[in-house]
Structures are given as structure tokens and as C-alpha cells.
Amino acid sequence: MTYSRTQPSPRHLAMLDQYRHLHREGEKFLGLDAEHTYPGVSLLPHVRRIKRLIDLTGAERLLDYGCGKGYQYTPGAIRAGDFGGADNVLDFWDILEVDCYDPCYERFSTLPSGVLYDGVISSDVLEHCVEEDLPWITAEIFGFATKFVYANVACYPAKTRLPNGENAHCTVKPVEWWQELLIPLAAKRPELIWEIWVQWKSPDDPAAPVTEQKIGNSP
């Protein structure tokens, strides 16, 4: 069966409930309170790469798809000394606005309607989505963009656990799997610049550094 935004899979709906619980109650396995559970700061290692795409395309308005609690955009989220004097992401990017969307955090749970964005960014999101719904979710991400798409995907288990005990990364796939999903999708939007970083770790050495590979057409 083909699922969609209007008819998602039962597993997708169940997963949303799990993440809503985490946002409200915190992540008990790691002892995190609600404030420190999916705050959104996983975006921060990617801000320079996104800045490059902003400068390349002249983007001014972005959508953060799966933004968590949005703390990544608060003053002080980045150190001014590391980002040319900017102490917040918006100033560093030098853009007009970022709209935030996260279906599991009430403040940002409303999906934009009738709006397109210069760029769509999605960090620490896709591996948290169930496999059978990823075709429509990734198509939705591309559908909101007019200039560029940026995302990253972790291909290894998460440290966090869902309230039901499952690992929070419910779709752990190799690079080739993501290529098969994303390249045909991107081919339908040849006007977009897109850049997806797929990251993995050695299963035999969890302490080993992350290896990553870019999928996309960005220069």
C-alpha cells in the first residue's frame, strides 16, 4: 500500500505518539528532562554547510522540517567567536526568516499551508521516520522548496530510546538505500540544488568517528 500525508501508515501515527510523549515527559533512558529532549540543536553542526547553500542560491526564507523545540535559533545557541561575531543562527545565515515545523512539538506542529520556501532543511529527522512513509515525507520536503534542500541522515542506532523501549532511529539503512530513495525524487525537481549527508559508524567500534558521504547535485 502507498501511504501519504492524508493517509499515513498506522506505524507512522504510533511513532508520532511516541515522540509527542518524549517532548512532554523527557527521555527516561538517558535521564533527559523534557527541555533537553530533542531541543533542535542537532542542527548546529550543519549551519556552515547550509550557509553555503544560502549564499549560493540567494535564499531568504527557509523551512526547518522537524525542528524539535527550536532552541537552535535562540541567541547564544552558537558561539560568536566561531561564527564571525554572530551569536545566533539567523544572523549568521543573514536571512529574513525560518519557519519551524515539528509534528510532535505542539508549538510548531502546524504544517505550513500554501507556502513555499527558498530552502528546506531537515537535520536528525529522516532516520526517525518509519520506512513505509519515507517516500511521501521526503517528497513533501522537496515539495516545499524552490531553491535548495539540505538534510542529514544517521545510518546507525541512536542513543535515545522511545517510551516503548525501541531505538529512536527506526529506519537504519545503508547509503545505497538512501540513494535509491532520493535520487529519483530529486530528478523530478531538476531546478533544485540538493545536498543530503548520509552518516554511519563502524558497528564493531561505537567509539569510532562518524563517516559521511554526500548525496546530491550541489557544487
C-alpha atoms as a PDB file:
ATOM      1  CA  MET A   1       0.000   0.000   0.000  1.00  0.00           C
ATOM      2  CA  THR A   2       1.133   3.529  -0.778  1.00  0.00           C
ATOM      3  CA  TYR A   3       0.860   5.914   2.158  1.00  0.00           C
ATOM      4  CA  SER A   4       0.547   9.708   2.112  1.00  0.00           C
ATOM      5  CA  ARG A   5       0.154  12.784   4.289  1.00  0.00           C
ATOM      6  CA  THR A   6      -3.621  12.298   4.290  1.00  0.00           C
ATOM      7  CA  GLN A   7      -3.371   8.525   4.739  1.00  0.00           C
ATOM      8  CA  PRO A   8      -0.185   7.701   6.686  1.00  0.00           C
ATOM      9  CA  SER A   9       0.623   4.245   7.938  1.00  0.00           C
ATOM     10  CA  PRO A  10      -0.628   3.109  11.359  1.00  0.00           C
ATOM     11  CA  ARG A  11       3.001   2.712  12.400  1.00  0.00           C
ATOM     12  CA  HIS A  12       3.714   6.332  11.479  1.00  0.00           C
ATOM     13  CA  LEU A  13       0.841   7.534  13.660  1.00  0.00           C
ATOM     14  CA  ALA A  14       2.022   5.356  16.536  1.00  0.00           C
ATOM     15  CA  MET A  15       5.542   6.751  16.189  1.00  0.00           C
ATOM     16  CA  LEU A  16       4.238  10.323  16.340  1.00  0.00           C
ATOM     17  CA  ASP A  17       2.581   9.493  19.652  1.00  0.00           C
ATOM     18  CA  GLN A  18       5.895   8.151  20.954  1.00  0.00           C
ATOM     19  CA  TYR A  19       7.706  11.372  20.071  1.00  0.00           C
ATOM     20  CA  ARG A  20       4.960  13.571  21.497  1.00  0.00           C
ATOM     21  CA  HIS A  21       5.400  11.700  24.763  1.00  0.00           C
ATOM     22  CA  LEU A  22       9.161  12.303  24.663  1.00  0.00           C
ATOM     23  CA  HIS A  23       8.669  16.016  24.096  1.00  0.00           C
ATOM     24  CA  ARG A  24       6.250  16.237  27.031  1.00  0.00           C
ATOM     25  CA  GLU A  25       7.923  13.904  29.509  1.00  0.00           C
ATOM     26  CA  GLY A  26      11.587  13.710  28.502  1.00  0.00           C
ATOM     27  CA  GLU A  27      13.753  10.714  27.557  1.00  0.00           C
ATOM     28  CA  LYS A  28      13.966   8.434  30.592  1.00  0.00           C
ATOM     29  CA  PHE A  29      16.606   6.010  29.252  1.00  0.00           C
ATOM     30  CA  LEU A  30      19.243   8.788  29.172  1.00  0.00           C
ATOM     31  CA  GLY A  31      17.734  10.700  32.086  1.00  0.00           C
ATOM     32  CA  LEU A  32      16.839  13.759  29.985  1.00  0.00           C
ATOM     33  CA  ASP A  33      14.090  16.113  31.088  1.00  0.00           C
ATOM     34  CA  ALA A  34      11.600  17.462  28.567  1.00  0.00           C
ATOM     35  CA  GLU A  35      13.565  20.658  27.938  1.00  0.00           C
ATOM     36  CA  HIS A  36      16.645  18.707  26.878  1.00  0.00           C
ATOM     37  CA  THR A  37      14.834  16.104  24.780  1.00  0.00           C
ATOM     38  CA  TYR A  38      15.040  16.956  21.082  1.00  0.00           C
ATOM     39  CA  PRO A  39      15.761  20.658  21.640  1.00  0.00           C
ATOM     40  CA  GLY A  40      16.763  21.102  17.998  1.00  0.00           C
ATOM     41  CA  VAL A  41      20.449  21.782  18.495  1.00  0.00           C
ATOM     42  CA  SER A  42      21.430  18.814  16.314  1.00  0.00           C
ATOM     43  CA  LEU A  43      21.196  21.383  13.512  1.00  0.00           C
ATOM     44  CA  LEU A  44      24.231  23.304  14.750  1.00  0.00           C
ATOM     45  CA  PRO A  45      26.975  21.135  13.176  1.00  0.00           C
ATOM     46  CA  HIS A  46      25.322  21.830   9.810  1.00  0.00           C
ATOM     47  CA  VAL A  47      24.946  25.621   9.891  1.00  0.00           C
ATOM     48  CA  ARG A  48      28.060  26.327   7.797  1.00  0.00           C
ATOM     49  CA  ARG A  49      27.031  23.899   5.072  1.00  0.00           C
ATOM     50  CA  ILE A  50      23.571  25.433   4.998  1.00  0.00           C
ATOM     51  CA  LYS A  51      25.097  28.929   4.893  1.00  0.00           C
ATOM     52  CA  ARG A  52      26.989  27.916   1.763  1.00  0.00           C
ATOM     53  CA  LEU A  53      23.734  26.870   0.064  1.00  0.00           C
ATOM     54  CA  ILE A  54      22.038  30.083   1.189  1.00  0.00           C
ATOM     55  CA  ASP A  55      24.820  32.171  -0.325  1.00  0.00           C
ATOM     56  CA  LEU A  56      24.864  30.040  -3.473  1.00  0.00           C
ATOM     57  CA  THR A  57      21.124  30.392  -4.109  1.00  0.00           C
ATOM     58  CA  GLY A  58      20.330  33.783  -2.554  1.00  0.00           C
ATOM     59  CA  ALA A  59      17.779  32.140  -0.270  1.00  0.00           C
ATOM     60  CA  GLU A  60      15.987  34.379   2.234  1.00  0.00           C
ATOM     61  CA  ARG A  61      13.214  32.212   3.685  1.00  0.00           C
ATOM     62  CA  LEU A  62      13.684  28.686   4.999  1.00  0.00           C
ATOM     63  CA  LEU A  63      11.589  25.900   6.478  1.00  0.00           C
ATOM     64  CA  ASP A  64      13.140  23.762   9.205  1.00  0.00           C
ATOM     65  CA  TYR A  65      11.250  20.473   8.763  1.00  0.00           C
ATOM     66  CA  GLY A  66      11.495  18.533  12.008  1.00  0.00           C
ATOM     67  CA  CYS A  67      12.898  21.376  14.082  1.00  0.00           C
ATOM     68  CA  GLY A  68      12.434  19.901  17.548  1.00  0.00           C
ATOM     69  CA  LYS A  69      11.865  22.600  20.158  1.00  0.00           C
ATOM     70  CA  GLY A  70      13.613  25.243  18.051  1.00  0.00           C
ATOM     71  CA  TYR A  71      16.326  26.099  20.577  1.00  0.00           C
ATOM     72  CA  GLN A  72      18.862  26.184  17.739  1.00  0.00           C
ATOM     73  CA  TYR A  73      17.547  29.634  16.805  1.00  0.00           C
ATOM     74  CA  THR A  74      17.817  31.275  20.220  1.00  0.00           C
ATOM     75  CA  PRO A  75      20.515  33.878  20.992  1.00  0.00           C
ATOM     76  CA  GLY A  76      23.660  32.192  22.257  1.00  0.00           C
ATOM     77  CA  ALA A  77      22.993  28.894  20.517  1.00  0.00           C
ATOM     78  CA  ILE A  78      26.249  29.423  18.617  1.00  0.00           C
ATOM     79  CA  ARG A  79      29.444  30.989  19.895  1.00  0.00           C
ATOM     80  CA  ALA A  80      30.050  34.394  18.345  1.00  0.00           C
ATOM     81  CA  GLY A  81      33.786  33.786  18.179  1.00  0.00           C
ATOM     82  CA  ASP A  82      33.231  30.771  15.930  1.00  0.00           C
ATOM     83  CA  PHE A  83      30.741  32.399  13.552  1.00  0.00           C
ATOM     84  CA  GLY A  84      32.112  35.806  12.617  1.00  0.00           C
ATOM     85  CA  GLY A  85      30.603  37.569  15.608  1.00  0.00           C
ATOM     86  CA  ALA A  86      27.066  36.170  15.210  1.00  0.00           C
ATOM     87  CA  ASP A  87      25.591  34.634  18.363  1.00  0.00           C
ATOM     88  CA  ASN A  88      22.517  33.200  16.656  1.00  0.00           C
ATOM     89  CA  VAL A  89      21.936  31.153  13.539  1.00  0.00           C
ATOM     90  CA  LEU A  90      19.675  33.633  11.747  1.00  0.00           C
ATOM     91  CA  ASP A  91      22.251  36.410  11.949  1.00  0.00           C
ATOM     92  CA  PHE A  92      24.990  34.099  10.731  1.00  0.00           C
ATOM     93  CA  TRP A  93      22.875  32.961   7.802  1.00  0.00           C
ATOM     94  CA  ASP A  94      21.816  36.591   7.103  1.00  0.00           C
ATOM     95  CA  ILE A  95      18.312  35.673   6.010  1.00  0.00           C
ATOM     96  CA  LEU A  96      14.852  37.070   6.650  1.00  0.00           C
ATOM     97  CA  GLU A  97      13.197  34.164   8.446  1.00  0.00           C
ATOM     98  CA  VAL A  98      12.988  30.490   9.286  1.00  0.00           C
ATOM     99  CA  ASP A  99       9.632  28.820   9.816  1.00  0.00           C
ATOM    100  CA  CYS A 100       9.700  25.806  12.127  1.00  0.00           C
ATOM    101  CA  TYR A 101       7.689  22.621  11.758  1.00  0.00           C
ATOM    102  CA  ASP A 102       7.697  19.584  14.017  1.00  0.00           C
ATOM    103  CA  PRO A 103       4.550  17.440  14.205  1.00  0.00           C
ATOM    104  CA  CYS A 104       5.434  16.177  17.685  1.00  0.00           C
ATOM    105  CA  TYR A 105       6.058  19.502  19.438  1.00  0.00           C
ATOM    106  CA  GLU A 106       2.858  21.450  19.949  1.00  0.00           C
ATOM    107  CA  ARG A 107       4.271  24.927  19.354  1.00  0.00           C
ATOM    108  CA  PHE A 108       5.463  24.001  15.845  1.00  0.00           C
ATOM    109  CA  SER A 109       3.012  21.227  14.993  1.00  0.00           C
ATOM    110  CA  THR A 110       1.062  23.070  12.279  1.00  0.00           C
ATOM    111  CA  LEU A 111       2.232  22.175   8.793  1.00  0.00           C
ATOM    112  CA  PRO A 112       2.620  25.285   6.602  1.00  0.00           C
ATOM    113  CA  SER A 113      -0.188  25.613   4.101  1.00  0.00           C
ATOM    114  CA  GLY A 114       0.008  27.368   0.754  1.00  0.00           C
ATOM    115  CA  VAL A 115       3.598  28.478   1.396  1.00  0.00           C
ATOM    116  CA  LEU A 116       6.803  27.725  -0.497  1.00  0.00           C
ATOM    117  CA  TYR A 117      10.303  28.387   0.770  1.00  0.00           C
ATOM    118  CA  ASP A 118      13.615  29.172  -0.841  1.00  0.00           C
ATOM    119  CA  GLY A 119      15.191  26.338   1.114  1.00  0.00           C
ATOM    120  CA  VAL A 120      14.108  23.413   3.270  1.00  0.00           C
ATOM    121  CA  ILE A 121      16.427  21.963   5.903  1.00  0.00           C
ATOM    122  CA  SER A 122      15.921  18.751   7.870  1.00  0.00           C
ATOM    123  CA  SER A 123      18.512  17.519  10.355  1.00  0.00           C
ATOM    124  CA  ASP A 124      18.175  14.452  12.578  1.00  0.00           C
ATOM    125  CA  VAL A 125      14.742  13.643  11.156  1.00  0.00           C
ATOM    126  CA  LEU A 126      14.566  11.085   8.359  1.00  0.00           C
ATOM    127  CA  GLU A 127      16.049   8.190  10.343  1.00  0.00           C
ATOM    128  CA  HIS A 128      13.275   8.765  12.902  1.00  0.00           C
ATOM    129  CA  CYS A 129      10.572   8.196  10.263  1.00  0.00           C
ATOM    130  CA  VAL A 130       9.195   4.755   9.515  1.00  0.00           C
ATOM    131  CA  GLU A 131      10.341   3.220   6.249  1.00  0.00           C
ATOM    132  CA  GLU A 132       6.928   2.859   4.631  1.00  0.00           C
ATOM    133  CA  ASP A 133       6.188   6.595   4.988  1.00  0.00           C
ATOM    134  CA  LEU A 134       9.540   7.973   3.872  1.00  0.00           C
ATOM    135  CA  PRO A 135       8.519   8.289   0.190  1.00  0.00           C
ATOM    136  CA  TRP A 136       5.804  10.840   0.956  1.00  0.00           C
ATOM    137  CA  ILE A 137       7.781  12.550   3.715  1.00  0.00           C
ATOM    138  CA  THR A 138      10.817  13.142   1.506  1.00  0.00           C
ATOM    139  CA  ALA A 139       8.550  14.231  -1.373  1.00  0.00           C
ATOM    140  CA  GLU A 140       6.915  16.727   0.978  1.00  0.00           C
ATOM    141  CA  ILE A 141      10.299  18.128   1.982  1.00  0.00           C
ATOM    142  CA  PHE A 142      11.284  18.618  -1.658  1.00  0.00           C
ATOM    143  CA  GLY A 143       7.836  19.989  -2.449  1.00  0.00           C
ATOM    144  CA  PHE A 144       8.200  22.935  -0.076  1.00  0.00           C
ATOM    145  CA  ALA A 145      11.493  24.071  -1.656  1.00  0.00           C
ATOM    146  CA  THR A 146      12.062  26.361  -4.637  1.00  0.00           C
ATOM    147  CA  LYS A 147      15.869  26.703  -4.497  1.00  0.00           C
ATOM    148  CA  PHE A 148      17.539  24.089  -2.290  1.00  0.00           C
ATOM    149  CA  VAL A 149      17.088  21.151   0.079  1.00  0.00           C
ATOM    150  CA  TYR A 150      19.549  20.180   2.802  1.00  0.00           C
ATOM    151  CA  ALA A 151      19.300  17.175   5.131  1.00  0.00           C
ATOM    152  CA  ASN A 152      21.404  14.688   7.026  1.00  0.00           C
ATOM    153  CA  VAL A 153      20.651  11.065   7.854  1.00  0.00           C
ATOM    154  CA  ALA A 154      22.216   8.862  10.535  1.00  0.00           C
ATOM    155  CA  CYS A 155      22.686   5.244   9.458  1.00  0.00           C
ATOM    156  CA  TYR A 156      23.320   3.848  12.920  1.00  0.00           C
ATOM    157  CA  PRO A 157      21.294   3.294  16.112  1.00  0.00           C
ATOM    158  CA  ALA A 158      20.533   6.284  18.340  1.00  0.00           C
ATOM    159  CA  LYS A 159      21.487   6.667  21.969  1.00  0.00           C
ATOM    160  CA  THR A 160      17.895   7.585  22.766  1.00  0.00           C
ATOM    161  CA  ARG A 161      15.022   5.182  23.321  1.00  0.00           C
ATOM    162  CA  LEU A 162      11.329   5.609  22.712  1.00  0.00           C
ATOM    163  CA  PRO A 163       8.887   5.206  25.612  1.00  0.00           C
ATOM    164  CA  ASN A 164       8.106   1.705  24.328  1.00  0.00           C
ATOM    165  CA  GLY A 165      11.795   0.771  24.539  1.00  0.00           C
ATOM    166  CA  GLU A 166      12.542   0.792  20.821  1.00  0.00           C
ATOM    167  CA  ASN A 167      15.559   2.592  19.428  1.00  0.00           C
ATOM    168  CA  ALA A 168      14.702   6.102  18.269  1.00  0.00           C
ATOM    169  CA  HIS A 169      16.305   5.517  14.866  1.00  0.00           C
ATOM    170  CA  CYS A 170      13.631   3.297  13.394  1.00  0.00           C
ATOM    171  CA  THR A 171      14.988   3.358   9.822  1.00  0.00           C
ATOM    172  CA  VAL A 172      18.675   2.460   9.707  1.00  0.00           C
ATOM    173  CA  LYS A 173      19.712   1.857   6.094  1.00  0.00           C
ATOM    174  CA  PRO A 174      22.955   1.942   4.095  1.00  0.00           C
ATOM    175  CA  VAL A 175      23.939   4.777   1.776  1.00  0.00           C
ATOM    176  CA  GLU A 176      22.733   2.857  -1.276  1.00  0.00           C
ATOM    177  CA  TRP A 177      19.218   2.612   0.119  1.00  0.00           C
ATOM    178  CA  TRP A 178      19.001   6.373   0.590  1.00  0.00           C
ATOM    179  CA  GLN A 179      20.385   6.935  -2.903  1.00  0.00           C
ATOM    180  CA  GLU A 180      17.645   4.749  -4.384  1.00  0.00           C
ATOM    181  CA  LEU A 181      15.019   6.739  -2.481  1.00  0.00           C
ATOM    182  CA  LEU A 182      16.327  10.258  -3.048  1.00  0.00           C
ATOM    183  CA  ILE A 183      17.911  10.389  -6.499  1.00  0.00           C
ATOM    184  CA  PRO A 184      14.696   9.594  -8.463  1.00  0.00           C
ATOM    185  CA  LEU A 185      12.790  12.032  -6.259  1.00  0.00           C
ATOM    186  CA  ALA A 186      15.297  14.823  -6.857  1.00  0.00           C
ATOM    187  CA  ALA A 187      15.265  14.120 -10.597  1.00  0.00           C
ATOM    188  CA  LYS A 188      11.662  15.330 -10.664  1.00  0.00           C
ATOM    189  CA  ARG A 189      12.875  18.745  -9.427  1.00  0.00           C
ATOM    190  CA  PRO A 190      15.953  19.475 -11.566  1.00  0.00           C
ATOM    191  CA  GLU A 191      15.801  23.182 -10.709  1.00  0.00           C
ATOM    192  CA  LEU A 192      16.663  22.468  -7.066  1.00  0.00           C
ATOM    193  CA  ILE A 193      20.117  22.250  -5.572  1.00  0.00           C
ATOM    194  CA  TRP A 194      20.064  19.434  -3.060  1.00  0.00           C
ATOM    195  CA  GLU A 195      22.552  18.069  -0.564  1.00  0.00           C
ATOM    196  CA  ILE A 196      21.964  15.094   1.745  1.00  0.00           C
ATOM    197  CA  TRP A 197      24.724  13.913   4.076  1.00  0.00           C
ATOM    198  CA  VAL A 198      24.493  10.236   4.991  1.00  0.00           C
ATOM    199  CA  GLN A 199      26.450   9.329   8.121  1.00  0.00           C
ATOM    200  CA  TRP A 200      27.461   5.976   9.568  1.00  0.00           C
ATOM    201  CA  LYS A 201      29.659   4.400  12.228  1.00  0.00           C
ATOM    202  CA  SER A 202      31.543   1.135  12.424  1.00  0.00           C
ATOM    203  CA  PRO A 203      29.243  -1.428  14.115  1.00  0.00           C
ATOM    204  CA  ASP A 204      32.314  -3.033  15.651  1.00  0.00           C
ATOM    205  CA  ASP A 205      33.595   0.188  17.215  1.00  0.00           C
ATOM    206  CA  PRO A 206      30.835   2.524  18.504  1.00  0.00           C
ATOM    207  CA  ALA A 207      33.500   4.979  19.654  1.00  0.00           C
ATOM    208  CA  ALA A 208      34.891   5.388  16.140  1.00  0.00           C
ATOM    209  CA  PRO A 209      34.273   8.739  14.442  1.00  0.00           C
ATOM    210  CA  VAL A 210      31.334   9.195  12.106  1.00  0.00           C
ATOM    211  CA  THR A 211      31.985   8.675   8.401  1.00  0.00           C
ATOM    212  CA  GLU A 212      29.811  10.577   5.964  1.00  0.00           C
ATOM    213  CA  GLN A 213      29.039  10.777   2.273  1.00  0.00           C
ATOM    214  CA  LYS A 214      27.191  13.450   0.338  1.00  0.00           C
ATOM    215  CA  ILE A 215      24.341  12.598  -1.992  1.00  0.00           C
ATOM    216  CA  GLY A 216      23.156  15.388  -4.250  1.00  0.00           C
ATOM    217  CA  ASN A 217      23.943  17.797  -7.050  1.00  0.00           C
ATOM    218  CA  SER A 218      25.329  20.712  -5.044  1.00  0.00           C
ATOM    219  CA  PRO A 219      28.678  22.041  -6.307  1.00  0.00           C
END
